Amino acid sequence: MQLSETVDGGLRAARSGVAVLIIDRMLQGEDGLSIIETLLAEGNSTPALVISALSSVDERINGLKAGGDDYLVKPFDIRELTARVEALLRRGGDVRVTRLHVGALEMDLVERTVRCDGKPIDLLPREFTLLEYFMRRPGQIVTRAMLLEDVWNFKFLAQTNVVDVQIGNFAAQA
């Protein structure tokens, strides 16, 4: 099956380890439900909110049966969209993700393995945790304070260079 750039781009983004998917049904002549169906076939159960102008009961049922966790009809109030996304996040959808994909990197959270372009990478436990932290936040700015609190569990602003040393070790391996 040949996927359009929009659907293909949606699949790439969804495979990068996002917490919730927001999928529009109408994507350049294709049904966005194909993204959800493909991901489910791959074992990816990231929660999905389907949005669409297709509002009949049958269309909503199709969206839910295809794997959507919720269905929101256009036009909608942005506050309702936000509330529905928050509800999906409360269900702990991110916990179900067992593989993270960012670029050429693939991380298996169950087996605790990492591959880059299919080649295994050996990491120490803290390195694995640090890389997982980065992979769960692709494109986001991460501060030293965030790393100290979330990765090293420092609950105060420590005067330490532990983050610099660890990042330096990553750079040396690259």
N, C-alpha and C. Protein backbone atom coordinates (compact mmCIF):
# COMPACT_ATOMS: atom_id res chain seq x y z
N MET A 1 0.85 -1.18 0.00
CA MET A 1 0.00 0.00 0.00
C MET A 1 0.89 1.24 0.00
N GLN A 2 0.67 2.14 -0.91
CA GLN A 2 1.42 3.39 -1.00
C GLN A 2 0.74 4.45 -0.13
N LEU A 3 1.46 4.98 0.85
CA LEU A 3 0.91 5.99 1.73
C LEU A 3 1.25 7.37 1.22
N SER A 4 0.35 8.32 1.42
CA SER A 4 0.64 9.69 1.03
C SER A 4 1.69 10.26 1.96
N GLU A 5 2.29 11.38 1.59
CA GLU A 5 3.26 12.05 2.45
C GLU A 5 2.65 12.41 3.79
N THR A 6 1.38 12.81 3.80
CA THR A 6 0.74 13.20 5.05
C THR A 6 0.60 12.00 5.98
N VAL A 7 0.12 10.90 5.47
CA VAL A 7 -0.04 9.70 6.29
C VAL A 7 1.33 9.16 6.69
N ASP A 8 2.27 9.13 5.76
CA ASP A 8 3.62 8.65 6.05
C ASP A 8 4.28 9.52 7.11
N GLY A 9 4.14 10.82 6.99
CA GLY A 9 4.69 11.73 8.00
C GLY A 9 4.03 11.53 9.35
N GLY A 10 2.73 11.28 9.35
CA GLY A 10 2.02 11.00 10.59
C GLY A 10 2.51 9.74 11.26
N LEU A 11 2.79 8.72 10.47
CA LEU A 11 3.32 7.47 11.01
C LEU A 11 4.71 7.68 11.61
N ARG A 12 5.56 8.43 10.90
CA ARG A 12 6.91 8.70 11.43
C ARG A 12 6.82 9.43 12.76
N ALA A 13 5.97 10.44 12.82
CA ALA A 13 5.83 11.21 14.07
C ALA A 13 5.28 10.34 15.18
N ALA A 14 4.30 9.51 14.88
CA ALA A 14 3.67 8.66 15.90
C ALA A 14 4.65 7.62 16.44
N ARG A 15 5.56 7.17 15.61
CA ARG A 15 6.52 6.15 16.03
C ARG A 15 7.64 6.73 16.90
N SER A 16 7.69 8.04 17.04
CA SER A 16 8.78 8.67 17.78
C SER A 16 8.56 8.66 19.29
N GLY A 17 7.49 8.05 19.75
CA GLY A 17 7.29 7.92 21.19
C GLY A 17 6.44 9.01 21.80
N VAL A 18 5.46 9.51 21.07
CA VAL A 18 4.57 10.53 21.61
C VAL A 18 3.62 9.92 22.63
N ALA A 19 3.06 10.77 23.50
CA ALA A 19 2.17 10.29 24.56
C ALA A 19 0.75 10.10 24.06
N VAL A 20 0.28 10.96 23.15
CA VAL A 20 -1.09 10.91 22.63
C VAL A 20 -1.05 11.32 21.16
N LEU A 21 -1.86 10.64 20.36
CA LEU A 21 -2.00 11.01 18.95
C LEU A 21 -3.31 11.77 18.77
N ILE A 22 -3.27 12.82 17.96
CA ILE A 22 -4.49 13.50 17.53
C ILE A 22 -4.51 13.34 16.02
N ILE A 23 -5.47 12.56 15.54
CA ILE A 23 -5.52 12.17 14.13
C ILE A 23 -6.76 12.74 13.47
N ASP A 24 -6.57 13.46 12.36
CA ASP A 24 -7.69 13.95 11.57
C ASP A 24 -8.07 12.85 10.58
N ARG A 25 -9.36 12.66 10.39
CA ARG A 25 -9.83 11.61 9.47
C ARG A 25 -9.48 11.93 8.02
N MET A 26 -9.56 13.20 7.63
CA MET A 26 -9.39 13.56 6.23
C MET A 26 -8.00 14.15 5.99
N LEU A 27 -7.12 13.33 5.39
CA LEU A 27 -5.75 13.74 5.11
C LEU A 27 -5.47 13.61 3.62
N GLN A 28 -5.61 14.69 2.90
CA GLN A 28 -5.35 14.72 1.45
C GLN A 28 -5.96 13.53 0.73
N GLY A 29 -7.23 13.33 0.95
CA GLY A 29 -7.94 12.26 0.26
C GLY A 29 -7.82 10.89 0.89
N GLU A 30 -7.05 10.76 1.95
CA GLU A 30 -6.92 9.48 2.65
C GLU A 30 -7.52 9.59 4.03
N ASP A 31 -7.87 8.46 4.60
CA ASP A 31 -8.46 8.42 5.93
C ASP A 31 -7.36 8.29 6.97
N GLY A 32 -7.28 9.24 7.90
CA GLY A 32 -6.28 9.20 8.95
C GLY A 32 -6.36 7.97 9.83
N LEU A 33 -7.47 7.25 9.78
CA LEU A 33 -7.59 6.02 10.55
C LEU A 33 -6.54 4.99 10.13
N SER A 34 -6.03 5.12 8.90
CA SER A 34 -5.00 4.17 8.45
C SER A 34 -3.74 4.29 9.31
N ILE A 35 -3.48 5.47 9.87
CA ILE A 35 -2.33 5.65 10.76
C ILE A 35 -2.54 4.80 12.02
N ILE A 36 -3.72 4.92 12.60
CA ILE A 36 -4.02 4.17 13.83
C ILE A 36 -3.97 2.66 13.56
N GLU A 37 -4.57 2.23 12.46
CA GLU A 37 -4.59 0.81 12.13
C GLU A 37 -3.19 0.26 11.91
N THR A 38 -2.34 1.02 11.22
CA THR A 38 -0.96 0.59 10.98
C THR A 38 -0.20 0.48 12.29
N LEU A 39 -0.34 1.48 13.15
CA LEU A 39 0.37 1.46 14.43
C LEU A 39 -0.08 0.29 15.30
N LEU A 40 -1.38 0.03 15.34
CA LEU A 40 -1.88 -1.10 16.13
C LEU A 40 -1.34 -2.42 15.59
N ALA A 41 -1.25 -2.55 14.27
CA ALA A 41 -0.71 -3.77 13.67
C ALA A 41 0.76 -3.96 14.04
N GLU A 42 1.46 -2.85 14.31
CA GLU A 42 2.87 -2.90 14.71
C GLU A 42 3.03 -3.10 16.23
N GLY A 43 1.91 -3.13 16.94
CA GLY A 43 1.97 -3.30 18.39
C GLY A 43 2.07 -1.99 19.16
N ASN A 44 1.90 -0.87 18.48
CA ASN A 44 1.96 0.44 19.12
C ASN A 44 0.55 0.82 19.57
N SER A 45 0.35 0.95 20.87
CA SER A 45 -0.99 1.24 21.39
C SER A 45 -1.08 2.63 22.00
N THR A 46 -0.38 3.58 21.43
CA THR A 46 -0.45 4.97 21.90
C THR A 46 -1.90 5.44 21.80
N PRO A 47 -2.43 6.07 22.84
CA PRO A 47 -3.82 6.55 22.79
C PRO A 47 -4.02 7.53 21.64
N ALA A 48 -5.16 7.41 20.97
CA ALA A 48 -5.44 8.24 19.80
C ALA A 48 -6.80 8.92 19.94
N LEU A 49 -6.79 10.22 19.71
CA LEU A 49 -8.00 11.02 19.65
C LEU A 49 -8.25 11.33 18.18
N VAL A 50 -9.38 10.90 17.66
CA VAL A 50 -9.74 11.14 16.26
C VAL A 50 -10.58 12.41 16.21
N ILE A 51 -10.21 13.33 15.30
CA ILE A 51 -11.02 14.52 15.06
C ILE A 51 -11.49 14.48 13.62
N SER A 52 -12.73 14.92 13.40
CA SER A 52 -13.26 14.82 12.04
C SER A 52 -14.53 15.64 11.88
N ALA A 53 -14.76 16.05 10.64
CA ALA A 53 -16.03 16.67 10.28
C ALA A 53 -17.06 15.59 9.96
N LEU A 54 -16.61 14.34 9.82
CA LEU A 54 -17.51 13.21 9.59
C LEU A 54 -18.21 12.91 10.92
N SER A 55 -19.47 13.30 11.01
CA SER A 55 -20.11 13.32 12.33
C SER A 55 -21.22 12.29 12.52
N SER A 56 -21.52 11.49 11.52
CA SER A 56 -22.60 10.53 11.70
C SER A 56 -22.21 9.49 12.74
N VAL A 57 -23.19 8.85 13.30
CA VAL A 57 -22.93 7.81 14.30
C VAL A 57 -22.08 6.71 13.69
N ASP A 58 -22.38 6.31 12.46
CA ASP A 58 -21.60 5.25 11.79
C ASP A 58 -20.13 5.65 11.64
N GLU A 59 -19.86 6.90 11.30
CA GLU A 59 -18.47 7.35 11.14
C GLU A 59 -17.74 7.36 12.48
N ARG A 60 -18.43 7.79 13.53
CA ARG A 60 -17.82 7.78 14.87
C ARG A 60 -17.53 6.35 15.30
N ILE A 61 -18.46 5.45 15.04
CA ILE A 61 -18.24 4.03 15.37
C ILE A 61 -17.06 3.49 14.59
N ASN A 62 -16.95 3.82 13.30
CA ASN A 62 -15.81 3.38 12.49
C ASN A 62 -14.49 3.87 13.09
N GLY A 63 -14.48 5.12 13.54
CA GLY A 63 -13.26 5.68 14.13
C GLY A 63 -12.86 4.96 15.41
N LEU A 64 -13.83 4.63 16.23
CA LEU A 64 -13.54 3.93 17.48
C LEU A 64 -13.15 2.47 17.23
N LYS A 65 -13.83 1.82 16.29
CA LYS A 65 -13.51 0.42 15.97
C LYS A 65 -12.14 0.29 15.31
N ALA A 66 -11.69 1.35 14.62
CA ALA A 66 -10.37 1.32 13.98
C ALA A 66 -9.24 1.45 15.00
N GLY A 67 -9.60 1.78 16.25
CA GLY A 67 -8.58 1.88 17.29
C GLY A 67 -8.51 3.22 17.98
N GLY A 68 -9.36 4.16 17.57
CA GLY A 68 -9.38 5.45 18.25
C GLY A 68 -9.89 5.29 19.67
N ASP A 69 -9.29 6.01 20.60
CA ASP A 69 -9.72 5.95 21.99
C ASP A 69 -10.82 6.97 22.28
N ASP A 70 -10.94 7.97 21.43
CA ASP A 70 -11.96 9.00 21.57
C ASP A 70 -12.20 9.60 20.19
N TYR A 71 -13.32 10.27 20.01
CA TYR A 71 -13.70 10.83 18.71
C TYR A 71 -14.33 12.19 18.97
N LEU A 72 -13.80 13.23 18.35
CA LEU A 72 -14.29 14.58 18.54
C LEU A 72 -14.71 15.15 17.18
N VAL A 73 -15.95 15.63 17.11
CA VAL A 73 -16.51 16.12 15.85
C VAL A 73 -16.20 17.61 15.69
N LYS A 74 -15.79 18.00 14.47
CA LYS A 74 -15.55 19.40 14.13
C LYS A 74 -16.89 20.07 13.82
N PRO A 75 -17.03 21.33 14.08
CA PRO A 75 -16.11 22.19 14.82
C PRO A 75 -16.21 21.90 16.31
N PHE A 76 -15.12 22.15 17.02
CA PHE A 76 -15.09 21.90 18.45
C PHE A 76 -14.42 23.06 19.16
N ASP A 77 -14.66 23.17 20.43
CA ASP A 77 -14.03 24.18 21.26
C ASP A 77 -12.66 23.65 21.69
N ILE A 78 -11.63 24.47 21.59
CA ILE A 78 -10.28 24.05 21.93
C ILE A 78 -10.19 23.56 23.38
N ARG A 79 -11.04 24.10 24.24
CA ARG A 79 -11.05 23.65 25.64
C ARG A 79 -11.50 22.20 25.74
N GLU A 80 -12.44 21.79 24.89
CA GLU A 80 -12.88 20.40 24.90
C GLU A 80 -11.77 19.49 24.38
N LEU A 81 -11.08 19.92 23.33
CA LEU A 81 -9.95 19.14 22.81
C LEU A 81 -8.90 18.96 23.91
N THR A 82 -8.57 20.04 24.60
CA THR A 82 -7.58 19.98 25.67
C THR A 82 -8.03 19.03 26.78
N ALA A 83 -9.28 19.11 27.17
CA ALA A 83 -9.81 18.23 28.23
C ALA A 83 -9.74 16.77 27.82
N ARG A 84 -10.06 16.48 26.56
CA ARG A 84 -10.03 15.09 26.09
C ARG A 84 -8.60 14.56 26.04
N VAL A 85 -7.64 15.39 25.62
CA VAL A 85 -6.24 14.97 25.60
C VAL A 85 -5.76 14.73 27.03
N GLU A 86 -6.12 15.61 27.95
CA GLU A 86 -5.74 15.42 29.35
C GLU A 86 -6.32 14.12 29.91
N ALA A 87 -7.55 13.80 29.52
CA ALA A 87 -8.17 12.55 29.98
C ALA A 87 -7.41 11.34 29.45
N LEU A 88 -6.99 11.39 28.19
CA LEU A 88 -6.21 10.28 27.63
C LEU A 88 -4.86 10.15 28.35
N LEU A 89 -4.25 11.28 28.67
CA LEU A 89 -2.97 11.24 29.39
C LEU A 89 -3.13 10.68 30.80
N ARG A 90 -4.24 10.97 31.45
CA ARG A 90 -4.49 10.45 32.79
C ARG A 90 -4.61 8.94 32.79
N ARG A 91 -5.04 8.38 31.68
CA ARG A 91 -5.18 6.92 31.59
C ARG A 91 -3.83 6.22 31.58
N GLY A 92 -2.76 7.01 31.50
CA GLY A 92 -1.42 6.41 31.53
C GLY A 92 -1.03 5.78 30.22
N GLY A 93 -1.45 6.33 29.11
CA GLY A 93 -1.13 5.77 27.80
C GLY A 93 0.35 5.64 27.54
N ASP A 94 1.15 6.58 28.05
CA ASP A 94 2.58 6.55 27.79
C ASP A 94 3.25 5.34 28.42
N VAL A 95 2.64 4.80 29.47
CA VAL A 95 3.19 3.63 30.14
C VAL A 95 3.18 2.42 29.20
N ARG A 96 2.21 2.36 28.29
CA ARG A 96 2.07 1.20 27.40
C ARG A 96 3.12 1.19 26.29
N VAL A 97 3.79 2.27 26.04
CA VAL A 97 4.80 2.33 24.99
C VAL A 97 5.99 1.51 25.44
N THR A 98 6.38 0.54 24.64
CA THR A 98 7.53 -0.30 24.99
C THR A 98 8.71 -0.09 24.06
N ARG A 99 8.50 0.64 22.98
CA ARG A 99 9.59 0.95 22.04
C ARG A 99 9.54 2.43 21.71
N LEU A 100 10.71 3.05 21.73
CA LEU A 100 10.83 4.44 21.33
C LEU A 100 11.64 4.50 20.05
N HIS A 101 11.23 5.38 19.13
CA HIS A 101 11.94 5.57 17.87
C HIS A 101 12.15 7.07 17.66
N VAL A 102 13.39 7.46 17.52
CA VAL A 102 13.71 8.84 17.17
C VAL A 102 14.85 8.78 16.17
N GLY A 103 14.57 9.26 14.96
CA GLY A 103 15.58 9.19 13.92
C GLY A 103 16.03 7.76 13.71
N ALA A 104 17.35 7.55 13.72
CA ALA A 104 17.92 6.21 13.51
C ALA A 104 17.97 5.40 14.80
N LEU A 105 17.58 6.02 15.91
CA LEU A 105 17.63 5.32 17.21
C LEU A 105 16.35 4.56 17.49
N GLU A 106 16.52 3.36 18.03
CA GLU A 106 15.38 2.55 18.48
C GLU A 106 15.72 2.02 19.86
N MET A 107 14.82 2.24 20.81
CA MET A 107 15.03 1.80 22.18
C MET A 107 13.92 0.84 22.57
N ASP A 108 14.27 -0.33 23.06
CA ASP A 108 13.32 -1.30 23.58
C ASP A 108 13.35 -1.19 25.09
N LEU A 109 12.25 -0.69 25.67
CA LEU A 109 12.21 -0.44 27.10
C LEU A 109 12.06 -1.72 27.92
N VAL A 110 11.56 -2.79 27.32
CA VAL A 110 11.42 -4.06 28.02
C VAL A 110 12.76 -4.79 28.06
N GLU A 111 13.37 -4.93 26.91
CA GLU A 111 14.66 -5.62 26.81
C GLU A 111 15.83 -4.75 27.25
N ARG A 112 15.58 -3.43 27.37
CA ARG A 112 16.60 -2.44 27.74
C ARG A 112 17.77 -2.46 26.76
N THR A 113 17.41 -2.42 25.47
CA THR A 113 18.41 -2.39 24.41
C THR A 113 18.22 -1.14 23.56
N VAL A 114 19.32 -0.73 22.93
CA VAL A 114 19.30 0.43 22.04
C VAL A 114 20.01 0.04 20.75
N ARG A 115 19.44 0.48 19.64
CA ARG A 115 20.05 0.26 18.32
C ARG A 115 20.08 1.57 17.57
N CYS A 116 21.15 1.77 16.84
CA CYS A 116 21.28 2.93 15.95
C CYS A 116 21.56 2.38 14.56
N ASP A 117 20.67 2.66 13.63
CA ASP A 117 20.76 2.10 12.27
C ASP A 117 20.88 0.58 12.32
N GLY A 118 20.18 -0.05 13.28
CA GLY A 118 20.17 -1.50 13.40
C GLY A 118 21.34 -2.10 14.16
N LYS A 119 22.32 -1.27 14.52
CA LYS A 119 23.50 -1.77 15.24
C LYS A 119 23.29 -1.56 16.73
N PRO A 120 23.58 -2.60 17.53
CA PRO A 120 23.40 -2.47 18.98
C PRO A 120 24.37 -1.47 19.59
N ILE A 121 23.88 -0.74 20.60
CA ILE A 121 24.71 0.20 21.35
C ILE A 121 24.67 -0.23 22.81
N ASP A 122 25.83 -0.42 23.41
CA ASP A 122 25.92 -0.79 24.81
C ASP A 122 25.91 0.47 25.66
N LEU A 123 24.97 0.53 26.61
CA LEU A 123 24.87 1.68 27.50
C LEU A 123 24.84 1.21 28.95
N LEU A 124 25.43 2.00 29.81
CA LEU A 124 25.32 1.79 31.24
C LEU A 124 23.91 2.18 31.67
N PRO A 125 23.44 1.70 32.82
CA PRO A 125 22.07 2.00 33.24
C PRO A 125 21.71 3.49 33.23
N ARG A 126 22.59 4.35 33.75
CA ARG A 126 22.29 5.78 33.78
C ARG A 126 22.26 6.35 32.36
N GLU A 127 23.14 5.88 31.50
CA GLU A 127 23.15 6.33 30.11
C GLU A 127 21.84 5.95 29.42
N PHE A 128 21.36 4.74 29.69
CA PHE A 128 20.09 4.29 29.13
C PHE A 128 18.96 5.20 29.59
N THR A 129 18.91 5.50 30.88
CA THR A 129 17.87 6.37 31.43
C THR A 129 17.94 7.77 30.83
N LEU A 130 19.14 8.29 30.67
CA LEU A 130 19.32 9.62 30.09
C LEU A 130 18.87 9.64 28.63
N LEU A 131 19.25 8.63 27.86
CA LEU A 131 18.83 8.57 26.47
C LEU A 131 17.32 8.41 26.36
N GLU A 132 16.72 7.60 27.22
CA GLU A 132 15.26 7.46 27.22
C GLU A 132 14.60 8.81 27.49
N TYR A 133 15.14 9.56 28.43
CA TYR A 133 14.60 10.88 28.76
C TYR A 133 14.60 11.78 27.51
N PHE A 134 15.72 11.79 26.80
CA PHE A 134 15.81 12.60 25.58
C PHE A 134 14.87 12.10 24.49
N MET A 135 14.78 10.78 24.33
CA MET A 135 13.95 10.22 23.26
C MET A 135 12.46 10.46 23.52
N ARG A 136 12.06 10.59 24.76
CA ARG A 136 10.66 10.88 25.07
C ARG A 136 10.32 12.36 24.86
N ARG A 137 11.33 13.17 24.58
CA ARG A 137 11.14 14.61 24.40
C ARG A 137 11.82 15.10 23.13
N PRO A 138 11.56 14.48 21.99
CA PRO A 138 12.26 14.89 20.76
C PRO A 138 11.92 16.34 20.41
N GLY A 139 12.94 17.11 20.12
CA GLY A 139 12.75 18.50 19.72
C GLY A 139 12.48 19.45 20.86
N GLN A 140 12.41 18.97 22.09
CA GLN A 140 12.14 19.84 23.23
C GLN A 140 13.45 20.30 23.86
N ILE A 141 13.42 21.49 24.42
CA ILE A 141 14.57 21.99 25.15
C ILE A 141 14.55 21.35 26.54
N VAL A 142 15.69 20.80 26.93
CA VAL A 142 15.82 20.15 28.23
C VAL A 142 16.91 20.88 29.00
N THR A 143 16.58 21.33 30.20
CA THR A 143 17.55 22.07 31.00
C THR A 143 18.33 21.14 31.91
N ARG A 144 19.45 21.63 32.39
CA ARG A 144 20.27 20.89 33.34
C ARG A 144 19.45 20.58 34.60
N ALA A 145 18.68 21.56 35.06
CA ALA A 145 17.86 21.36 36.26
C ALA A 145 16.84 20.24 36.04
N MET A 146 16.24 20.17 34.85
CA MET A 146 15.29 19.10 34.54
C MET A 146 15.98 17.74 34.61
N LEU A 147 17.17 17.66 34.04
CA LEU A 147 17.91 16.40 34.04
C LEU A 147 18.29 15.99 35.46
N LEU A 148 18.77 16.95 36.24
CA LEU A 148 19.16 16.62 37.62
C LEU A 148 17.96 16.11 38.41
N GLU A 149 16.80 16.72 38.23
CA GLU A 149 15.63 16.30 38.99
C GLU A 149 15.03 15.01 38.46
N ASP A 150 14.87 14.89 37.14
CA ASP A 150 14.14 13.76 36.55
C ASP A 150 15.00 12.52 36.32
N VAL A 151 16.29 12.69 36.05
CA VAL A 151 17.15 11.54 35.76
C VAL A 151 17.97 11.15 37.00
N TRP A 152 18.52 12.14 37.69
CA TRP A 152 19.36 11.86 38.86
C TRP A 152 18.58 11.96 40.18
N ASN A 153 17.31 12.35 40.12
CA ASN A 153 16.46 12.47 41.30
C ASN A 153 16.99 13.45 42.35
N PHE A 154 17.71 14.49 41.89
CA PHE A 154 18.12 15.55 42.80
C PHE A 154 16.94 16.48 42.97
N LYS A 155 16.52 16.70 44.21
CA LYS A 155 15.36 17.55 44.47
C LYS A 155 15.78 18.96 44.87
N PHE A 156 17.01 19.30 44.65
CA PHE A 156 17.51 20.64 44.94
C PHE A 156 18.48 21.01 43.85
N LEU A 157 18.80 22.27 43.72
CA LEU A 157 19.71 22.74 42.68
C LEU A 157 21.13 22.47 43.14
N ALA A 158 21.67 21.36 42.70
CA ALA A 158 23.00 20.95 43.12
C ALA A 158 24.07 21.65 42.29
N GLN A 159 25.18 21.92 42.92
CA GLN A 159 26.34 22.47 42.22
C GLN A 159 27.20 21.28 41.79
N THR A 160 26.85 20.69 40.67
CA THR A 160 27.53 19.49 40.21
C THR A 160 27.70 19.54 38.71
N ASN A 161 28.69 18.84 38.22
CA ASN A 161 28.90 18.76 36.77
C ASN A 161 28.56 17.37 36.24
N VAL A 162 27.76 16.59 36.99
CA VAL A 162 27.42 15.23 36.61
C VAL A 162 26.73 15.20 35.23
N VAL A 163 25.88 16.18 34.94
CA VAL A 163 25.21 16.23 33.64
C VAL A 163 26.24 16.47 32.54
N ASP A 164 27.15 17.42 32.76
CA ASP A 164 28.18 17.72 31.75
C ASP A 164 29.05 16.50 31.46
N VAL A 165 29.42 15.78 32.50
CA VAL A 165 30.26 14.59 32.34
C VAL A 165 29.51 13.52 31.54
N GLN A 166 28.25 13.29 31.88
CA GLN A 166 27.48 12.25 31.19
C GLN A 166 27.28 12.61 29.72
N ILE A 167 26.93 13.86 29.44
CA ILE A 167 26.75 14.29 28.04
C ILE A 167 28.08 14.20 27.30
N GLY A 168 29.15 14.54 27.98
CA GLY A 168 30.49 14.42 27.37
C GLY A 168 30.80 12.98 27.00
N ASN A 169 30.38 12.04 27.85
CA ASN A 169 30.59 10.62 27.55
C ASN A 169 29.82 10.20 26.30
N PHE A 170 28.57 10.72 26.16
CA PHE A 170 27.79 10.43 24.95
C PHE A 170 28.52 10.96 23.72
N ALA A 171 29.00 12.19 23.81
CA ALA A 171 29.66 12.82 22.65
C ALA A 171 30.92 12.04 22.27
N ALA A 172 31.63 11.53 23.26
CA ALA A 172 32.85 10.77 22.98
C ALA A 172 32.56 9.46 22.26
N GLN A 173 31.37 8.86 22.52
CA GLN A 173 31.01 7.59 21.89
C GLN A 173 30.52 7.78 20.47
N ALA A 174 30.05 8.99 20.14
CA ALA A 174 29.43 9.23 18.83
C ALA A 174 30.45 9.31 17.72
